[in-house]
């Protein structure tokens, strides 16, 4: 069963942001072994998504890595703001 990684990351990040209208999750690249996901948020939400010491970002990555590894893939998630 294929996992929609964009939706997975979107579902994880949406509850964290104050400005969900500014949230963009896009699959940047994909090949046989790896996937790159770009997450863009409002500047005000960047700290909320990354978390203190990067703990929230690492938790999002850990969940995504687990889903990707079941399909034999590696996933890279880049988190940035629009500004």
Protein backbone atom coordinates (compact mmCIF):
# COMPACT_ATOMS: atom_id res chain seq x y z
CA UNK A 1 0.00 0.00 0.00
CA UNK A 2 1.45 3.34 -1.09
CA UNK A 3 1.73 6.12 1.45
CA UNK A 4 0.93 9.70 0.42
CA UNK A 5 3.87 11.38 2.15
CA UNK A 6 2.66 14.89 1.33
CA UNK A 7 -0.64 14.23 3.12
CA UNK A 8 1.14 12.53 6.04
CA UNK A 9 3.40 15.54 6.62
CA UNK A 10 0.51 17.97 6.06
CA UNK A 11 -1.59 16.16 8.67
CA UNK A 12 1.30 16.30 11.16
CA UNK A 13 2.10 19.99 10.63
CA UNK A 14 -1.40 21.52 10.26
CA UNK A 15 -2.35 21.38 13.98
CA UNK A 16 0.91 23.18 14.88
CA UNK A 17 0.44 26.33 12.81
CA UNK A 18 -1.53 29.50 13.50
CA UNK A 19 -1.77 30.39 9.79
CA UNK A 20 -2.86 27.17 8.04
CA UNK A 21 -3.68 29.17 4.89
CA UNK A 22 0.07 29.82 4.50
CA UNK A 23 1.05 26.15 4.86
CA UNK A 24 2.47 24.46 1.76
CA UNK A 25 3.71 20.86 1.65
CA UNK A 26 5.15 19.77 -1.68
CA UNK A 27 7.00 16.71 -2.91
CA UNK A 28 10.19 18.20 -4.31
CA UNK A 29 11.74 15.09 -5.81
CA UNK A 30 11.31 11.34 -5.80
CA UNK A 31 13.33 8.47 -7.19
CA UNK A 32 13.47 4.74 -6.46
CA UNK A 33 15.15 5.10 -3.07
CA UNK A 34 14.44 8.60 -1.76
CA UNK A 35 11.83 11.33 -1.45
CA UNK A 36 12.34 15.02 -0.64
CA UNK A 37 9.43 16.95 0.90
CA UNK A 38 9.46 20.75 1.22
CA UNK A 39 7.38 22.32 4.02
CA UNK A 40 6.80 26.08 3.80
CA UNK A 41 5.09 27.92 6.65
CA UNK A 42 4.40 31.51 7.67
CA UNK A 43 7.40 33.16 9.38
CA UNK A 44 5.41 33.33 12.65
CA UNK A 45 4.82 29.55 12.57
CA UNK A 46 8.40 28.49 11.84
CA UNK A 47 9.38 28.22 15.51
CA UNK A 48 6.23 26.25 16.33
CA UNK A 49 6.94 23.68 13.61
CA UNK A 50 10.64 23.31 14.42
CA UNK A 51 10.18 23.37 18.20
CA UNK A 52 12.69 24.02 20.94
CA UNK A 53 15.95 22.40 19.98
CA UNK A 54 14.30 20.98 16.84
CA UNK A 55 12.33 18.41 18.84
CA UNK A 56 9.05 18.80 16.93
CA UNK A 57 10.79 18.76 13.53
CA UNK A 58 12.68 15.61 14.57
CA UNK A 59 9.43 13.95 15.68
CA UNK A 60 7.82 14.75 12.30
CA UNK A 61 10.88 13.33 10.53
CA UNK A 62 10.88 10.19 12.70
CA UNK A 63 7.25 9.39 11.88
CA UNK A 64 7.89 10.03 8.18
CA UNK A 65 11.08 7.91 8.21
CA UNK A 66 9.12 5.02 9.72
CA UNK A 67 6.48 5.19 6.98
CA UNK A 68 9.12 5.49 4.24
CA UNK A 69 11.26 2.65 5.54
CA UNK A 70 8.31 0.26 5.22
CA UNK A 71 8.55 0.94 1.48
CA UNK A 72 12.34 0.71 1.44
CA UNK A 73 12.80 4.44 0.88
CA UNK A 74 14.53 7.30 2.63
CA UNK A 75 12.76 10.62 3.17
CA UNK A 76 14.20 14.10 3.62
CA UNK A 77 12.01 16.89 4.97
CA UNK A 78 13.05 20.53 4.56
CA UNK A 79 11.20 23.06 6.73
CA UNK A 80 11.40 26.75 5.85
CA UNK A 81 9.32 29.94 5.86
CA UNK A 82 8.03 32.09 3.01
CA UNK A 83 9.98 35.17 4.09
